[in-house]
Amino acid sequence: MTVDLVGFLGVVLVAYVVPGPDFLVVVRSAAEDPSIGRAAALGAQTGLCVHMLAAAAGLSAIATRSPAVYDGIRLLGAAYLVYLGVRAVLAARRAARERRTADEVASPAPHEGGPARGRFRSGFSQGFLTNVLNPKAALFFLSVLPQFADGDGSLARQIFLLGLLDIAIGVAYWFALVVVAARLRALLDRPNVRRRWELTTGWLFIAIGVSVATAA
């Protein structure tokens, strides 16, 4: 397989650097706890694996050529983003109520035992659902990756190999982002900052969800 690796890497890096719903999920999760951020990152990349396999099998072509299927996935993804946003806004309001009745020491701490496993699963599922319900991710694997494949050999195999490289780059990128975003934890220990963070990220999720739902 002969491909333009430099061009391919450039396109992939731009796709990751431009913020999207998965970026917001990973950053928000990492600010809560680095392990949850890594879980969200792995979930996001697992969601891309689904699109990669679907593109290699030709299933994505069916979905993207059927307006009903494409719109269904798009609206499900938009609804999920709005759901995450509403949860964050409600969490901010709940934190404000607790602040009025609790001591300042009660910051969200304890990531141990069962709750830790539950939070890890929650981060993973948020990353996974955000990307698996994103039809633009399917379009990327279906329309962008084939442009870097040569004319010889199996197109499905080439999409699969390029997709694996894309996903590996994404894991490295997200894990580096988690290290940076995790530094927000010290700030989020302050109740006022946490409340504003939850509100801001919540409304961003809602805005992105509405934008996805109303996109032509």
Protein backbone atom coordinates (compact mmCIF):
# COMPACT_ATOMS: atom_id res chain seq x y z
CA MET A 1 0.00 0.00 0.00
CA THR A 2 1.46 3.36 -1.07
CA VAL A 3 -0.19 6.42 0.41
CA ASP A 4 0.62 10.08 0.91
CA LEU A 5 1.38 9.69 4.62
CA VAL A 6 2.39 13.32 5.08
CA GLY A 7 -0.89 14.55 3.62
CA PHE A 8 -2.85 11.96 5.55
CA LEU A 9 -1.21 12.86 8.87
CA GLY A 10 -1.85 16.55 8.18
CA VAL A 11 -5.56 15.97 7.58
CA VAL A 12 -5.87 13.74 10.66
CA LEU A 13 -4.10 16.22 12.95
CA VAL A 14 -6.31 19.08 11.74
CA ALA A 15 -9.40 16.92 12.34
CA TYR A 16 -8.34 16.31 15.94
CA VAL A 17 -7.14 19.83 16.73
CA VAL A 18 -10.39 21.48 15.56
CA PRO A 19 -12.66 21.18 18.65
CA GLY A 20 -15.77 19.08 18.35
CA PRO A 21 -18.14 17.28 20.72
CA ASP A 22 -15.55 14.60 21.54
CA PHE A 23 -13.04 17.33 22.47
CA LEU A 24 -15.50 18.80 24.95
CA VAL A 25 -16.32 15.38 26.43
CA VAL A 26 -12.65 14.50 26.95
CA VAL A 27 -11.70 17.88 28.43
CA ARG A 28 -14.68 17.93 30.77
CA SER A 29 -14.00 14.36 31.91
CA ALA A 30 -10.27 15.01 32.40
CA ALA A 31 -11.01 18.08 34.49
CA GLU A 32 -13.10 15.87 36.75
CA ASP A 33 -10.41 13.17 37.02
CA PRO A 34 -7.53 12.16 34.69
CA SER A 35 -8.60 8.50 34.70
CA ILE A 36 -12.11 9.50 33.61
CA GLY A 37 -10.59 11.67 30.89
CA ARG A 38 -8.59 8.71 29.60
CA ALA A 39 -11.74 6.58 29.73
CA ALA A 40 -13.61 9.18 27.65
CA ALA A 41 -10.71 9.29 25.18
CA LEU A 42 -10.70 5.50 24.80
CA GLY A 43 -14.48 5.55 24.42
CA ALA A 44 -14.25 8.21 21.70
CA GLN A 45 -11.68 6.18 19.78
CA THR A 46 -13.72 3.00 20.18
CA GLY A 47 -16.62 4.87 18.61
CA LEU A 48 -14.35 5.71 15.68
CA CYS A 49 -13.46 2.02 15.42
CA VAL A 50 -17.13 1.31 14.74
CA HIS A 51 -17.18 3.85 11.90
CA MET A 52 -13.89 2.50 10.54
CA LEU A 53 -15.15 -1.07 10.43
CA ALA A 54 -18.45 0.07 8.93
CA ALA A 55 -16.61 2.02 6.22
CA ALA A 56 -14.34 -0.93 5.47
CA ALA A 57 -17.39 -3.19 5.18
CA GLY A 58 -19.26 -0.69 3.02
CA LEU A 59 -22.03 -0.16 5.57
CA SER A 60 -21.28 3.55 5.92
CA ALA A 61 -22.00 4.03 2.23
CA ILE A 62 -25.48 2.67 2.75
CA ALA A 63 -26.10 4.91 5.75
CA THR A 64 -24.79 8.11 4.15
CA ARG A 65 -26.75 7.51 0.94
CA SER A 66 -29.99 7.04 2.83
CA PRO A 67 -31.28 10.40 4.08
CA ALA A 68 -33.55 8.74 6.63
CA VAL A 69 -30.72 6.71 8.18
CA TYR A 70 -28.30 9.63 8.13
CA ASP A 71 -30.82 12.00 9.69
CA GLY A 72 -31.75 9.42 12.30
CA ILE A 73 -28.12 9.06 13.42
CA ARG A 74 -27.66 12.83 13.35
CA LEU A 75 -30.73 13.50 15.49
CA LEU A 76 -29.80 10.77 17.97
CA GLY A 77 -26.35 12.32 18.30
CA ALA A 78 -27.83 15.78 18.76
CA ALA A 79 -30.25 14.51 21.40
CA TYR A 80 -27.42 12.86 23.30
CA LEU A 81 -25.36 16.07 23.31
CA VAL A 82 -28.36 18.04 24.60
CA TYR A 83 -28.83 15.37 27.28
CA LEU A 84 -25.21 15.79 28.42
CA GLY A 85 -25.69 19.55 28.48
CA VAL A 86 -28.86 19.40 30.54
CA ARG A 87 -27.12 17.07 33.02
CA ALA A 88 -24.26 19.55 33.39
CA VAL A 89 -26.58 22.51 33.90
CA LEU A 90 -28.58 20.61 36.52
CA ALA A 91 -25.31 19.61 38.22
CA ALA A 92 -24.34 23.28 38.40
CA ARG A 93 -27.64 24.19 40.02
CA ARG A 94 -27.35 21.30 42.44
CA ALA A 95 -23.82 22.40 43.36
CA ALA A 96 -25.08 25.92 44.03
CA ARG A 97 -27.73 24.58 46.42
CA GLU A 98 -25.21 22.36 48.19
CA ARG A 99 -22.81 25.25 48.58
CA ARG A 100 -25.38 27.15 50.54
CA THR A 101 -25.78 24.28 53.00
CA ALA A 102 -22.39 22.54 53.11
CA ASP A 103 -18.91 23.42 54.29
CA GLU A 104 -16.28 24.36 51.76
CA VAL A 105 -14.45 21.06 52.34
CA ALA A 106 -17.05 19.08 50.47
CA SER A 107 -15.45 19.09 47.05
CA PRO A 108 -16.12 16.13 44.77
CA ALA A 109 -13.50 13.82 45.91
CA PRO A 110 -13.45 10.21 46.35
CA HIS A 111 -12.78 8.31 43.23
CA GLU A 112 -12.35 4.94 44.92
CA GLY A 113 -13.96 1.53 44.87
CA GLY A 114 -17.26 1.00 43.11
CA PRO A 115 -17.95 4.69 42.41
CA ALA A 116 -14.57 4.94 40.64
CA ARG A 117 -15.44 2.04 38.33
CA GLY A 118 -18.84 3.56 37.69
CA ARG A 119 -17.32 6.92 36.80
CA PHE A 120 -14.81 5.22 34.49
CA ARG A 121 -17.65 3.43 32.67
CA SER A 122 -19.58 6.69 32.49
CA GLY A 123 -16.62 8.51 30.92
CA PHE A 124 -16.05 5.70 28.42
CA SER A 125 -19.72 5.54 27.42
CA GLN A 126 -19.92 9.32 26.97
CA GLY A 127 -16.91 9.32 24.66
CA PHE A 128 -18.16 6.27 22.79
CA LEU A 129 -21.72 7.49 22.23
CA THR A 130 -20.56 10.99 21.28
CA ASN A 131 -18.51 9.63 18.37
CA VAL A 132 -20.55 6.60 17.35
CA LEU A 133 -23.62 8.87 16.98
CA ASN A 134 -21.67 11.45 14.98
CA PRO A 135 -22.42 10.95 11.27
CA LYS A 136 -19.57 13.30 10.35
CA ALA A 137 -17.16 10.72 11.72
CA ALA A 138 -18.68 8.14 9.40
CA LEU A 139 -18.32 10.53 6.46
CA PHE A 140 -14.65 11.08 7.33
CA PHE A 141 -13.88 7.37 7.11
CA LEU A 142 -16.00 6.93 4.02
CA SER A 143 -14.99 9.98 1.97
CA VAL A 144 -11.63 11.25 3.29
CA LEU A 145 -9.65 8.09 3.99
CA PRO A 146 -10.21 6.54 0.52
CA GLN A 147 -8.56 9.61 -1.04
CA PHE A 148 -5.26 8.50 0.47
CA ALA A 149 -5.52 4.90 -0.73
CA ASP A 150 -3.74 3.83 -3.89
CA GLY A 151 -5.55 2.25 -6.79
CA ASP A 152 -4.10 -1.19 -6.20
CA GLY A 153 -5.10 -3.72 -3.59
CA SER A 154 -8.16 -3.96 -1.40
CA LEU A 155 -9.81 -0.62 -0.63
CA ALA A 156 -11.39 -2.09 2.52
CA ARG A 157 -7.99 -3.23 3.78
CA GLN A 158 -6.46 0.18 3.12
CA ILE A 159 -9.31 1.98 4.90
CA PHE A 160 -8.82 -0.40 7.82
CA LEU A 161 -5.07 0.26 8.06
CA LEU A 162 -5.42 4.02 7.64
CA GLY A 163 -8.21 3.98 10.20
CA LEU A 164 -6.00 2.18 12.71
CA LEU A 165 -3.32 4.83 12.22
CA ASP A 166 -5.93 7.58 12.66
CA ILE A 167 -7.19 5.99 15.89
CA ALA A 168 -3.67 5.49 17.27
CA ILE A 169 -2.85 9.15 16.61
CA GLY A 170 -6.09 10.11 18.31
CA VAL A 171 -5.28 8.09 21.44
CA ALA A 172 -1.91 9.85 21.74
CA TYR A 173 -3.52 13.25 21.17
CA TRP A 174 -6.33 12.71 23.66
CA PHE A 175 -4.00 11.37 26.36
CA ALA A 176 -1.77 14.45 25.95
CA LEU A 177 -4.86 16.65 26.19
CA VAL A 178 -5.94 14.83 29.35
CA VAL A 179 -2.64 15.77 31.02
CA VAL A 180 -3.24 19.44 30.19
CA ALA A 181 -6.94 19.46 31.06
CA ALA A 182 -6.35 17.65 34.36
CA ARG A 183 -4.65 20.81 35.62
CA LEU A 184 -8.12 22.35 35.81
CA ARG A 185 -8.90 20.14 38.80
CA ALA A 186 -7.30 22.53 41.27
CA LEU A 187 -9.50 25.33 40.00
CA LEU A 188 -12.59 23.15 40.06
CA ASP A 189 -12.10 22.48 43.76
CA ARG A 190 -13.46 26.00 44.21
CA PRO A 191 -17.27 25.77 44.36
CA ASN A 192 -17.90 28.96 42.37
CA VAL A 193 -15.51 27.93 39.61
CA ARG A 194 -17.01 24.43 39.43
CA ARG A 195 -20.52 25.83 39.15
CA ARG A 196 -19.50 28.16 36.30
CA TRP A 197 -17.60 25.33 34.60
CA GLU A 198 -20.63 23.05 34.70
CA LEU A 199 -22.87 25.81 33.36
CA THR A 200 -20.46 26.74 30.58
CA THR A 201 -19.81 23.20 29.39
CA GLY A 202 -23.49 22.34 29.77
CA TRP A 203 -24.65 25.17 27.55
CA LEU A 204 -21.87 24.39 25.05
CA PHE A 205 -23.14 20.81 24.78
CA ILE A 206 -26.69 22.07 24.28
CA ALA A 207 -25.57 24.61 21.65
CA ILE A 208 -23.60 21.97 19.72
CA GLY A 209 -26.52 19.56 19.95
CA VAL A 210 -28.97 22.13 18.60
CA SER A 211 -26.51 23.04 15.84
CA VAL A 212 -26.18 19.38 14.83
CA ALA A 213 -29.96 18.89 14.88
CA THR A 214 -30.65 21.93 12.72
CA ALA A 215 -27.78 21.38 10.26
CA ALA A 216 -28.90 20.84 6.71
